[in-house]
C-alpha atoms as a PDB file:
ATOM      1  CA  MET A   1       4.126  38.880-114.292  1.00  0.00           C
ATOM      2  CA  GLY A   2       0.155  38.936-114.522  1.00  0.00           C
ATOM      3  CA  VAL A   3      -1.740  35.811-113.643  1.00  0.00           C
ATOM      4  CA  PHE A   4       1.353  33.638-113.785  1.00  0.00           C
ATOM      5  CA  VAL A   5       2.332  34.563-110.310  1.00  0.00           C
ATOM      6  CA  TYR A   6      -1.004  33.099-108.882  1.00  0.00           C
ATOM      7  CA  LEU A   7      -0.885  29.972-110.961  1.00  0.00           C
ATOM      8  CA  PRO A   8       1.696  27.963-108.787  1.00  0.00           C
ATOM      9  CA  LEU A   9      -0.477  28.567-105.711  1.00  0.00           C
ATOM     10  CA  VAL A  10      -3.608  26.582-107.345  1.00  0.00           C
ATOM     11  CA  LEU A  11      -1.714  24.289-109.798  1.00  0.00           C
ATOM     12  CA  PRO A  12      -1.255  21.448-106.909  1.00  0.00           C
ATOM     13  CA  LEU A  13      -4.877  20.757-107.584  1.00  0.00           C
ATOM     14  CA  THR A  14      -3.330  18.852-110.737  1.00  0.00           C
ATOM     15  CA  ALA A  15      -1.742  16.556-108.369  1.00  0.00           C
ATOM     16  CA  TRP A  16      -4.632  15.501-106.225  1.00  0.00           C
ATOM     17  CA  PRO A  17      -5.723  12.415-108.938  1.00  0.00           C
ATOM     18  CA  ILE A  18      -2.345  11.010-108.851  1.00  0.00           C
ATOM     19  CA  ALA A  19      -2.265  11.280-105.195  1.00  0.00           C
ATOM     20  CA  ARG A  20      -5.075   8.747-104.974  1.00  0.00           C
ATOM     21  CA  LEU A  21      -4.347   6.410-108.008  1.00  0.00           C
ATOM     22  CA  ALA A  22      -0.774   6.007-107.394  1.00  0.00           C
ATOM     23  CA  GLU A  23      -1.622   4.146-104.549  1.00  0.00           C
ATOM     24  CA  GLN A  24      -3.501   1.596-106.409  1.00  0.00           C
ATOM     25  CA  HIS A  25      -1.676   1.458-109.945  1.00  0.00           C
ATOM     26  CA  LEU A  26       1.869   2.086-109.257  1.00  0.00           C
ATOM     27  CA  HIS A  27       4.517   0.357-107.297  1.00  0.00           C
ATOM     28  CA  PRO A  28       4.752   1.792-103.589  1.00  0.00           C
ATOM     29  CA  ARG A  29       8.633   2.772-104.160  1.00  0.00           C
ATOM     30  CA  ARG A  30       8.065   4.660-107.076  1.00  0.00           C
ATOM     31  CA  ALA A  31       4.536   5.976-105.920  1.00  0.00           C
ATOM     32  CA  ALA A  32       6.706   7.370-102.893  1.00  0.00           C
ATOM     33  CA  ARG A  33       9.038   8.931-104.966  1.00  0.00           C
ATOM     34  CA  LEU A  34       6.564  10.538-107.391  1.00  0.00           C
ATOM     35  CA  LEU A  35       4.715  12.006-104.892  1.00  0.00           C
ATOM     36  CA  THR A  36       7.610  13.237-102.806  1.00  0.00           C
ATOM     37  CA  THR A  37       9.058  15.022-105.850  1.00  0.00           C
ATOM     38  CA  ALA A  38       5.936  16.528-107.060  1.00  0.00           C
ATOM     39  CA  ALA A  39       4.966  17.981-103.733  1.00  0.00           C
ATOM     40  CA  VAL A  40       8.650  19.717-103.333  1.00  0.00           C
ATOM     41  CA  ILE A  41       8.646  21.108-106.806  1.00  0.00           C
ATOM     42  CA  LEU A  42       5.089  22.254-106.302  1.00  0.00           C
ATOM     43  CA  ALA A  43       5.817  23.648-103.031  1.00  0.00           C
ATOM     44  CA  SER A  44       8.901  25.137-104.352  1.00  0.00           C
ATOM     45  CA  CYS A  45       7.172  27.296-106.988  1.00  0.00           C
ATOM     46  CA  SER A  46       4.384  28.471-104.669  1.00  0.00           C
ATOM     47  CA  LEU A  47       7.342  29.531-102.162  1.00  0.00           C
ATOM     48  CA  VAL A  48       8.759  31.676-104.978  1.00  0.00           C
ATOM     49  CA  CYS A  49       5.790  33.182-106.124  1.00  0.00           C
ATOM     50  CA  LEU A  50       4.776  34.119-102.782  1.00  0.00           C
ATOM     51  CA  GLY A  51       8.227  35.703-102.391  1.00  0.00           C
ATOM     52  CA  LEU A  52       7.531  37.780-105.308  1.00  0.00           C
ATOM     53  CA  LEU A  53       4.157  39.096-103.973  1.00  0.00           C
ATOM     54  CA  VAL A  54       5.727  39.623-100.595  1.00  0.00           C
ATOM     55  CA  VAL A  55       8.443  42.023-102.408  1.00  0.00           C
ATOM     56  CA  VAL A  56       5.523  44.147-104.191  1.00  0.00           C
ATOM     57  CA  GLY A  57       3.568  44.241-100.782  1.00  0.00           C
ATOM     58  CA  THR A  58       6.642  45.290 -98.578  1.00  0.00           C
ATOM     59  CA  ALA A  59       7.378  48.081-100.939  1.00  0.00           C
ATOM     60  CA  GLN A  60       3.767  49.539-100.350  1.00  0.00           C
ATOM     61  CA  LEU A  61       4.551  49.843 -96.440  1.00  0.00           C
ATOM     62  CA  PRO A  62       5.605  53.008 -95.055  1.00  0.00           C
ATOM     63  CA  GLY A  63       9.154  53.082 -94.094  1.00  0.00           C
ATOM     64  CA  ASN A  64      10.111  49.811 -95.808  1.00  0.00           C
ATOM     65  CA  PRO A  65      13.778  49.521 -96.481  1.00  0.00           C
ATOM     66  CA  LEU A  66      13.272  48.714-100.356  1.00  0.00           C
ATOM     67  CA  PRO A  67      14.280  51.002-102.914  1.00  0.00           C
ATOM     68  CA  ASP A  68      11.504  54.107-103.458  1.00  0.00           C
ATOM     69  CA  GLY A  69      11.121  52.786-107.178  1.00  0.00           C
ATOM     70  CA  TRP A  70       9.842  49.493-106.145  1.00  0.00           C
ATOM     71  CA  SER A  71       6.239  51.114-104.917  1.00  0.00           C
ATOM     72  CA  ASP A  72       5.976  53.023-108.244  1.00  0.00           C
ATOM     73  CA  ASP A  73       2.813  52.393-110.189  1.00  0.00           C
ATOM     74  CA  GLU A  74       4.798  50.334-113.002  1.00  0.00           C
ATOM     75  CA  VAL A  75       5.789  47.935-110.441  1.00  0.00           C
ATOM     76  CA  ARG A  76       2.370  47.475-108.941  1.00  0.00           C
ATOM     77  CA  GLU A  77       0.629  47.135-112.141  1.00  0.00           C
ATOM     78  CA  ALA A  78       2.785  43.891-112.919  1.00  0.00           C
ATOM     79  CA  VAL A  79       0.826  42.041-110.272  1.00  0.00           C
ATOM     80  CA  PRO A  80      -3.157  42.057-110.519  1.00  0.00           C
ATOM     81  CA  HIS A  81      -4.872  42.989-107.553  1.00  0.00           C
ATOM     82  CA  ASP A  82      -1.660  44.136-105.912  1.00  0.00           C
ATOM     83  CA  ALA A  83      -2.964  45.947-102.802  1.00  0.00           C
ATOM     84  CA  PHE A  84      -4.939  43.116-101.396  1.00  0.00           C
ATOM     85  CA  ALA A  85      -2.373  40.409-102.821  1.00  0.00           C
ATOM     86  CA  GLY A  86       0.721  42.116-101.711  1.00  0.00           C
ATOM     87  CA  LYS A  87      -0.060  42.551 -98.211  1.00  0.00           C
ATOM     88  CA  ALA A  88      -2.103  39.415 -97.852  1.00  0.00           C
ATOM     89  CA  SER A  89       1.139  37.206 -98.996  1.00  0.00           C
ATOM     90  CA  ILE A  90       3.052  39.248 -95.908  1.00  0.00           C
ATOM     91  CA  LEU A  91       0.991  37.667 -93.666  1.00  0.00           C
ATOM     92  CA  ALA A  92       0.970  34.090 -95.613  1.00  0.00           C
ATOM     93  CA  LEU A  93       4.580  34.028 -95.433  1.00  0.00           C
ATOM     94  CA  VAL A  94       4.623  34.594 -91.906  1.00  0.00           C
ATOM     95  CA  VAL A  95       2.398  31.821 -91.198  1.00  0.00           C
ATOM     96  CA  VAL A  96       4.292  29.442 -93.955  1.00  0.00           C
ATOM     97  CA  THR A  97       7.567  30.324 -92.028  1.00  0.00           C
ATOM     98  CA  ALA A  98       5.858  29.498 -88.520  1.00  0.00           C
ATOM     99  CA  ALA A  99       4.392  26.343 -89.607  1.00  0.00           C
ATOM    100  CA  CYS A 100       7.643  25.172 -91.300  1.00  0.00           C
ATOM    101  CA  GLY A 101       9.592  25.862 -88.406  1.00  0.00           C
ATOM    102  CA  PHE A 102       7.222  24.050 -85.899  1.00  0.00           C
ATOM    103  CA  THR A 103       7.398  20.913 -88.159  1.00  0.00           C
ATOM    104  CA  VAL A 104      11.063  20.942 -88.299  1.00  0.00           C
ATOM    105  CA  HIS A 105      11.104  21.690 -84.482  1.00  0.00           C
ATOM    106  CA  ARG A 106       8.624  18.913 -83.711  1.00  0.00           C
ATOM    107  CA  HIS A 107      10.309  16.533 -85.845  1.00  0.00           C
ATOM    108  CA  TYR A 108      13.939  16.819 -84.376  1.00  0.00           C
ATOM    109  CA  ARG A 109      12.746  17.209 -80.539  1.00  0.00           C
ATOM    110  CA  PHE A 110      11.171  13.731 -81.157  1.00  0.00           C
ATOM    111  CA  ARG A 111      14.536  12.387 -82.584  1.00  0.00           C
ATOM    112  CA  ALA A 112      16.407  13.781 -79.457  1.00  0.00           C
ATOM    113  CA  ARG A 113      13.943  12.441 -76.797  1.00  0.00           C
ATOM    114  CA  ALA A 114      14.006   9.032 -78.477  1.00  0.00           C
ATOM    115  CA  ARG A 115      17.800   9.255 -78.349  1.00  0.00           C
ATOM    116  CA  ARG A 116      17.743   9.950 -74.876  1.00  0.00           C
ATOM    117  CA  ALA A 117      15.492   6.938 -74.308  1.00  0.00           C
ATOM    118  CA  LEU A 118      18.155   4.895 -75.736  1.00  0.00           C
ATOM    119  CA  ALA A 119      20.871   5.934 -73.536  1.00  0.00           C
ATOM    120  CA  GLY A 120      22.304   2.838 -71.709  1.00  0.00           C
ATOM    121  CA  LEU A 121      20.857   0.369 -73.963  1.00  0.00           C
ATOM    122  CA  PRO A 122      22.828  -2.131 -75.915  1.00  0.00           C
ATOM    123  CA  GLY A 123      24.113  -1.350 -79.245  1.00  0.00           C
ATOM    124  CA  GLY A 124      23.001  -2.712 -82.536  1.00  0.00           C
ATOM    125  CA  ASP A 125      20.430  -1.497 -85.099  1.00  0.00           C
ATOM    126  CA  VAL A 126      17.465  -2.892 -82.857  1.00  0.00           C
ATOM    127  CA  ALA A 127      16.412  -1.494 -79.545  1.00  0.00           C
ATOM    128  CA  VAL A 128      14.067  -3.149 -77.275  1.00  0.00           C
ATOM    129  CA  LEU A 129      12.201  -0.639 -74.941  1.00  0.00           C
ATOM    130  CA  PRO A 130      10.957  -2.091 -71.373  1.00  0.00           C
ATOM    131  CA  ASP A 131       7.157  -0.853 -72.346  1.00  0.00           C
ATOM    132  CA  ASP A 132       3.678  -1.698 -71.693  1.00  0.00           C
ATOM    133  CA  VAL A 133       2.509   0.222 -74.580  1.00  0.00           C
ATOM    134  CA  PRO A 134       2.889  -1.642 -78.119  1.00  0.00           C
ATOM    135  CA  TYR A 135       4.725   0.248 -80.801  1.00  0.00           C
ATOM    136  CA  ALA A 136       7.492   0.001 -83.257  1.00  0.00           C
ATOM    137  CA  TYR A 137       9.133   2.542 -85.246  1.00  0.00           C
ATOM    138  CA  ALA A 138      12.302   3.486 -87.361  1.00  0.00           C
ATOM    139  CA  LEU A 139      14.537   6.139 -85.962  1.00  0.00           C
ATOM    140  CA  PRO A 140      16.734   7.683 -88.166  1.00  0.00           C
ATOM    141  CA  GLY A 141      19.976   8.671 -87.539  1.00  0.00           C
ATOM    142  CA  SER A 142      23.693   7.607 -87.734  1.00  0.00           C
ATOM    143  CA  PRO A 143      23.176   5.059 -87.519  1.00  0.00           C
ATOM    144  CA  GLY A 144      19.503   4.499 -87.548  1.00  0.00           C
ATOM    145  CA  ARG A 145      17.855   2.194 -85.187  1.00  0.00           C
ATOM    146  CA  VAL A 146      14.623   0.278 -84.877  1.00  0.00           C
ATOM    147  CA  MET A 147      12.786   0.943 -81.695  1.00  0.00           C
ATOM    148  CA  VAL A 148      10.410  -1.680 -80.210  1.00  0.00           C
ATOM    149  CA  SER A 149       8.470  -2.265 -77.121  1.00  0.00           C
ATOM    150  CA  THR A 150       8.925  -5.263 -75.348  1.00  0.00           C
ATOM    151  CA  ALA A 151       4.650  -5.335 -75.114  1.00  0.00           C
ATOM    152  CA  MET A 152       4.844  -5.326 -79.347  1.00  0.00           C
ATOM    153  CA  LEU A 153       7.078  -8.266 -79.188  1.00  0.00           C
ATOM    154  CA  ALA A 154       4.948 -10.318 -76.958  1.00  0.00           C
ATOM    155  CA  SER A 155       1.690  -9.347 -78.987  1.00  0.00           C
ATOM    156  CA  LEU A 156       3.661 -11.050 -82.028  1.00  0.00           C
ATOM    157  CA  GLU A 157       4.971 -14.461 -82.561  1.00  0.00           C
ATOM    158  CA  PRO A 158       8.759 -15.198 -83.059  1.00  0.00           C
ATOM    159  CA  ALA A 159       8.250 -15.841 -86.498  1.00  0.00           C
ATOM    160  CA  GLU A 160       6.634 -12.486 -87.033  1.00  0.00           C
ATOM    161  CA  HIS A 161       9.474 -10.734 -85.429  1.00  0.00           C
ATOM    162  CA  ARG A 162      11.380 -10.904 -88.549  1.00  0.00           C
ATOM    163  CA  ALA A 163       8.772  -9.407 -90.451  1.00  0.00           C
ATOM    164  CA  LEU A 164       8.721  -6.519 -88.050  1.00  0.00           C
ATOM    165  CA  PHE A 165      12.104  -5.869 -88.144  1.00  0.00           C
ATOM    166  CA  ALA A 166      12.400  -6.198 -91.822  1.00  0.00           C
ATOM    167  CA  HIS A 167       9.905  -3.434 -92.377  1.00  0.00           C
ATOM    168  CA  GLU A 168      11.468  -1.176 -89.947  1.00  0.00           C
ATOM    169  CA  ARG A 169      15.081  -1.543 -91.622  1.00  0.00           C
ATOM    170  CA  ALA A 170      13.233  -0.540 -94.757  1.00  0.00           C
ATOM    171  CA  HIS A 171      12.020   2.511 -93.773  1.00  0.00           C
ATOM    172  CA  LEU A 172      15.515   3.265 -92.707  1.00  0.00           C
ATOM    173  CA  ALA A 173      17.205   2.111 -95.918  1.00  0.00           C
ATOM    174  CA  GLY A 174      14.562   4.046 -98.136  1.00  0.00           C
ATOM    175  CA  ARG A 175      15.142   6.973 -96.080  1.00  0.00           C
ATOM    176  CA  HIS A 176      11.320   7.361 -95.619  1.00  0.00           C
ATOM    177  CA  HIS A 177      11.698  10.022 -93.152  1.00  0.00           C
ATOM    178  CA  ARG A 178      13.154  12.572 -95.272  1.00  0.00           C
ATOM    179  CA  LEU A 179      10.339  11.729 -97.977  1.00  0.00           C
ATOM    180  CA  LEU A 180       7.943  12.120 -95.246  1.00  0.00           C
ATOM    181  CA  LEU A 181       9.297  15.367 -93.878  1.00  0.00           C
ATOM    182  CA  ALA A 182       9.831  16.981 -97.286  1.00  0.00           C
ATOM    183  CA  THR A 183       6.104  16.240 -98.138  1.00  0.00           C
ATOM    184  CA  ARG A 184       5.008  17.682 -94.523  1.00  0.00           C
ATOM    185  CA  LEU A 185       7.104  20.820 -95.217  1.00  0.00           C
ATOM    186  CA  ALA A 186       5.386  21.305 -98.488  1.00  0.00           C
ATOM    187  CA  GLY A 187       2.068  21.057 -96.927  1.00  0.00           C
ATOM    188  CA  CYS A 188       2.849  23.662 -94.719  1.00  0.00           C
ATOM    189  CA  VAL A 189       3.769  26.035 -97.756  1.00  0.00           C
ATOM    190  CA  ASN A 190       0.764  25.196 -99.863  1.00  0.00           C
ATOM    191  CA  PRO A 191      -2.214  23.368 -98.025  1.00  0.00           C
ATOM    192  CA  LEU A 192      -3.204  22.213-101.361  1.00  0.00           C
ATOM    193  CA  LEU A 193      -0.429  19.704-100.975  1.00  0.00           C
ATOM    194  CA  TRP A 194      -1.592  17.941 -97.980  1.00  0.00           C
ATOM    195  CA  PRO A 195      -3.498  15.142 -99.838  1.00  0.00           C
ATOM    196  CA  LEU A 196      -0.372  14.107-100.804  1.00  0.00           C
ATOM    197  CA  LEU A 197       1.151  13.538 -97.456  1.00  0.00           C
ATOM    198  CA  GLY A 198      -1.774  10.925 -96.873  1.00  0.00           C
ATOM    199  CA  ALA A 199      -1.030   8.959 -99.980  1.00  0.00           C
ATOM    200  CA  LEU A 200       2.841   8.933 -99.339  1.00  0.00           C
ATOM    201  CA  VAL A 201       2.538   7.672 -95.538  1.00  0.00           C
ATOM    202  CA  TYR A 202       0.276   4.845 -97.485  1.00  0.00           C
ATOM    203  CA  SER A 203       3.052   4.452 -99.870  1.00  0.00           C
ATOM    204  CA  THR A 204       5.932   3.969 -97.550  1.00  0.00           C
ATOM    205  CA  GLU A 205       4.284   1.909 -95.501  1.00  0.00           C
ATOM    206  CA  ARG A 206       3.297  -0.310 -98.590  1.00  0.00           C
ATOM    207  CA  TRP A 207       7.005  -0.010 -99.650  1.00  0.00           C
ATOM    208  CA  ALA A 208       8.237  -1.497 -96.188  1.00  0.00           C
ATOM    209  CA  ASP A 209       5.753  -4.325 -96.226  1.00  0.00           C
ATOM    210  CA  GLU A 210       6.768  -5.211 -99.697  1.00  0.00           C
ATOM    211  CA  GLU A 211      10.445  -5.579 -98.777  1.00  0.00           C
ATOM    212  CA  ALA A 212       9.462  -7.172 -95.410  1.00  0.00           C
ATOM    213  CA  ALA A 213       7.920  -9.866 -97.598  1.00  0.00           C
ATOM    214  CA  ARG A 214      10.661 -10.081-100.023  1.00  0.00           C
ATOM    215  CA  ILE A 215      13.314 -10.710 -97.298  1.00  0.00           C
ATOM    216  CA  THR A 216      11.045 -13.087 -95.242  1.00  0.00           C
ATOM    217  CA  GLY A 217       9.671 -14.725 -98.108  1.00  0.00           C
ATOM    218  CA  ASP A 218       6.246 -15.270 -96.876  1.00  0.00           C
ATOM    219  CA  ARG A 219       3.684 -12.711 -97.921  1.00  0.00           C
ATOM    220  CA  ARG A 220       1.074 -14.293 -95.611  1.00  0.00           C
ATOM    221  CA  LEU A 221       3.042 -14.035 -92.473  1.00  0.00           C
ATOM    222  CA  THR A 222       4.045 -10.475 -93.200  1.00  0.00           C
ATOM    223  CA  ALA A 223       0.308  -9.750 -93.719  1.00  0.00           C
ATOM    224  CA  ARG A 224      -0.516 -11.467 -90.304  1.00  0.00           C
ATOM    225  CA  ALA A 225       2.052  -9.528 -88.578  1.00  0.00           C
ATOM    226  CA  VAL A 226       0.910  -6.136 -89.816  1.00  0.00           C
ATOM    227  CA  GLY A 227      -2.366  -6.946 -89.135  1.00  0.00           C
ATOM    228  CA  LYS A 228      -1.870  -8.089 -85.480  1.00  0.00           C
ATOM    229  CA  ALA A 229       0.662  -5.239 -84.851  1.00  0.00           C
ATOM    230  CA  ALA A 230      -2.168  -2.875 -86.045  1.00  0.00           C
ATOM    231  CA  LEU A 231      -4.714  -4.238 -83.436  1.00  0.00           C
ATOM    232  CA  VAL A 232      -2.683  -3.668 -80.345  1.00  0.00           C
ATOM    233  CA  ALA A 233      -0.557  -0.933 -81.124  1.00  0.00           C
ATOM    234  CA  ARG A 234      -0.982   2.697 -79.428  1.00  0.00           C
ATOM    235  CA  PRO A 235       0.400   5.892 -81.192  1.00  0.00           C
ATOM    236  CA  VAL A 236       3.663   7.517 -79.821  1.00  0.00           C
ATOM    237  CA  THR A 237       3.053  10.905 -78.836  1.00  0.00           C
ATOM    238  CA  GLY A 238       5.308  13.058 -81.003  1.00  0.00           C
ATOM    239  CA  GLY A 239       5.970  10.336 -83.473  1.00  0.00           C
ATOM    240  CA  ALA A 240       3.786  11.339 -86.225  1.00  0.00           C
ATOM    241  CA  ALA A 241       7.156  12.353 -88.546  1.00  0.00           C
ATOM    242  CA  PHE A 242       8.474   8.756 -88.696  1.00  0.00           C
ATOM    243  CA  ALA A 243       7.520   5.862 -90.141  1.00  0.00           C
ATOM    244  CA  ALA A 244       6.184   2.917 -88.024  1.00  0.00           C
ATOM    245  CA  PHE A 245       5.106  -0.677 -88.368  1.00  0.00           C
ATOM    246  CA  ALA A 246       1.645  -0.353 -87.002  1.00  0.00           C
ATOM    247  CA  ALA A 247       0.973   3.233 -88.139  1.00  0.00           C
ATOM    248  CA  ALA A 248      -2.583   4.248 -88.312  1.00  0.00           C
ATOM    249  CA  GLY A 249      -4.189   4.106 -91.376  1.00  0.00           C
ATOM    250  CA  PRO A 250      -5.409   1.859 -94.216  1.00  0.00           C
ATOM    251  CA  VAL A 251      -4.289  -1.426 -92.583  1.00  0.00           C
ATOM    252  CA  PRO A 252      -7.193  -3.587 -94.413  1.00  0.00           C
ATOM    253  CA  ARG A 253      -5.853  -2.511 -97.717  1.00  0.00           C
ATOM    254  CA  ARG A 254      -2.003  -3.153 -96.812  1.00  0.00           C
ATOM    255  CA  VAL A 255      -3.203  -6.740 -95.679  1.00  0.00           C
ATOM    256  CA  ALA A 256      -4.953  -7.220 -98.775  1.00  0.00           C
ATOM    257  CA  ALA A 257      -2.180  -5.989-100.766  1.00  0.00           C
ATOM    258  CA  LEU A 258       0.341  -8.532 -99.372  1.00  0.00           C
ATOM    259  CA  LEU A 259      -2.108 -11.236 -99.795  1.00  0.00           C
ATOM    260  CA  GLY A 260      -2.406 -10.611-103.526  1.00  0.00           C
ATOM    261  CA  PRO A 261       0.496 -10.481-105.972  1.00  0.00           C
ATOM    262  CA  VAL A 262       4.013  -8.643-106.138  1.00  0.00           C
ATOM    263  CA  PRO A 263       2.900  -5.161-107.655  1.00  0.00           C
ATOM    264  CA  PRO A 264       4.555  -4.556-110.976  1.00  0.00           C
ATOM    265  CA  ASP A 265       7.800  -2.344-110.556  1.00  0.00           C
ATOM    266  CA  ARG A 266       7.044  -0.141-114.147  1.00  0.00           C
ATOM    267  CA  GLY A 267       8.550   3.163-114.191  1.00  0.00           C
ATOM    268  CA  TRP A 268       5.449   5.007-115.526  1.00  0.00           C
ATOM    269  CA  PRO A 269       2.036   3.718-115.722  1.00  0.00           C
ATOM    270  CA  PRO A 270       0.560   3.117-119.268  1.00  0.00           C
ATOM    271  CA  ALA A 271      -0.730   6.265-120.826  1.00  0.00           C
ATOM    272  CA  LEU A 272      -4.106   4.946-121.504  1.00  0.00           C
ATOM    273  CA  THR A 273      -4.915   4.247-118.027  1.00  0.00           C
ATOM    274  CA  PRO A 274      -6.591   6.100-115.289  1.00  0.00           C
ATOM    275  CA  ALA A 275      -3.319   6.200-113.341  1.00  0.00           C
ATOM    276  CA  GLY A 276      -1.274   7.207-116.557  1.00  0.00           C
ATOM    277  CA  VAL A 277      -3.668  10.310-117.272  1.00  0.00           C
ATOM    278  CA  ALA A 278      -3.656  11.266-113.636  1.00  0.00           C
ATOM    279  CA  ALA A 279       0.243  11.095-114.143  1.00  0.00           C
ATOM    280  CA  LEU A 280       0.504  13.324-117.269  1.00  0.00           C
ATOM    281  CA  VAL A 281      -1.923  15.803-115.552  1.00  0.00           C
ATOM    282  CA  ALA A 282       0.229  16.240-112.534  1.00  0.00           C
ATOM    283  CA  ALA A 283       3.450  16.303-114.631  1.00  0.00           C
ATOM    284  CA  ALA A 284       1.869  18.912-116.667  1.00  0.00           C
ATOM    285  CA  GLY A 285       0.939  20.970-113.764  1.00  0.00           C
ATOM    286  CA  THR A 286       4.182  20.486-112.251  1.00  0.00           C
ATOM    287  CA  THR A 287       5.767  21.909-115.372  1.00  0.00           C
ATOM    288  CA  VAL A 288       3.600  24.726-115.918  1.00  0.00           C
ATOM    289  CA  SER A 289       4.097  25.456-112.154  1.00  0.00           C
ATOM    290  CA  ALA A 290       7.610  25.800-112.822  1.00  0.00           C
ATOM    291  CA  LEU A 291       7.476  27.749-115.608  1.00  0.00           C
ATOM    292  CA  SER A 292       4.999  30.220-114.224  1.00  0.00           C
ATOM    293  CA  ALA A 293       7.160  30.735-111.247  1.00  0.00           C
ATOM    294  CA  LEU A 294      10.200  31.061-113.445  1.00  0.00           C
ATOM    295  CA  ASN A 295       8.495  33.826-116.089  1.00  0.00           C
ATOM    296  CA  ALA A 296       6.984  35.808-112.879  1.00  0.00           C
ATOM    297  CA  ALA A 297      10.516  35.841-111.063  1.00  0.00           C
ATOM    298  CA  VAL A 298      12.291  36.884-114.648  1.00  0.00           C
ATOM    299  CA  ALA A 299       9.583  39.511-114.754  1.00  0.00           C
ATOM    300  CA  LEU A 300       9.493  40.952-111.551  1.00  0.00           C
ATOM    301  CA  PHE A 301      13.350  41.226-112.011  1.00  0.00           C
ATOM    302  CA  LEU A 302      13.228  43.217-114.939  1.00  0.00           C
ATOM    303  CA  VAL A 303      10.530  45.702-114.031  1.00  0.00           C
ATOM    304  CA  LEU A 304      12.317  46.212-110.493  1.00  0.00           C
ATOM    305  CA  GLU A 305      15.482  46.953-112.511  1.00  0.00           C
ATOM    306  CA  ALA A 306      13.783  49.392-114.598  1.00  0.00           C
ATOM    307  CA  ALA A 307      12.382  50.952-111.438  1.00  0.00           C
ATOM    308  CA  THR A 308      15.487  51.242-109.524  1.00  0.00           C
ATOM    309  CA  PRO A 309      17.293  54.479-109.987  1.00  0.00           C
ATOM    310  CA  PHE A 310      21.074  54.465-110.566  1.00  0.00           C
END
């Protein structure tokens, strides 16, 4: 395997430039999909290589259930610094598993709490909760619903309510909760992927902003609704995994974008631009990561097969 087993653990660094530039130079829908795809592939490659290191590390432990031949010198020589990396990978895998488990548990626990809060309320895709705390967010499910407090509705003008509902329905239609959860889990697998989550949160909000502006036909009205909601909104405890109309973040940039023209919906930024170069670097890093993980997996399989007594 050599150093190839370590490359997918550091190659997420190649996605950092596009995480920033995608916000500025790509249509938010394409930016969100690009960031999620890169995060999932890079995290999967990191997890594969971490698992390979765990196999080598576990084989060195006394009393392990693996074949004795897997602890031979030939196997250990396949991994640079095997004594440290093998044992450290076991601890790292425990931390990754715990972090992913906590994230999934928190996500579905909040969904369950929100569903209980909806019990007894009239049906429909919009649920108005009597609450003095201003908030609005999209609750995924079958069917998904828009949850908004009476305080939030009171803080907006009737015309702005349409922008709010259109924004939240766009989150549901785009399955933004899945993109956010997948990227959050990717960050749990490899912390170097956390910058992509912040960029994705912004991109999904901008995506929903653009959909709301398209449906209302008034970009200025949508921008005003976004700005007013951000001034009065309070975060909902436990709801960080879901998209929200007045989510914390660069609201002035969202408002400024809505006051400007509709962003071009091109598939790939021009090659001779900063965004184009960053996209190519991210694509190259993702490809090298996948090839490195595949090479390490095949190499370890062949080494373990040779070391396994028949």
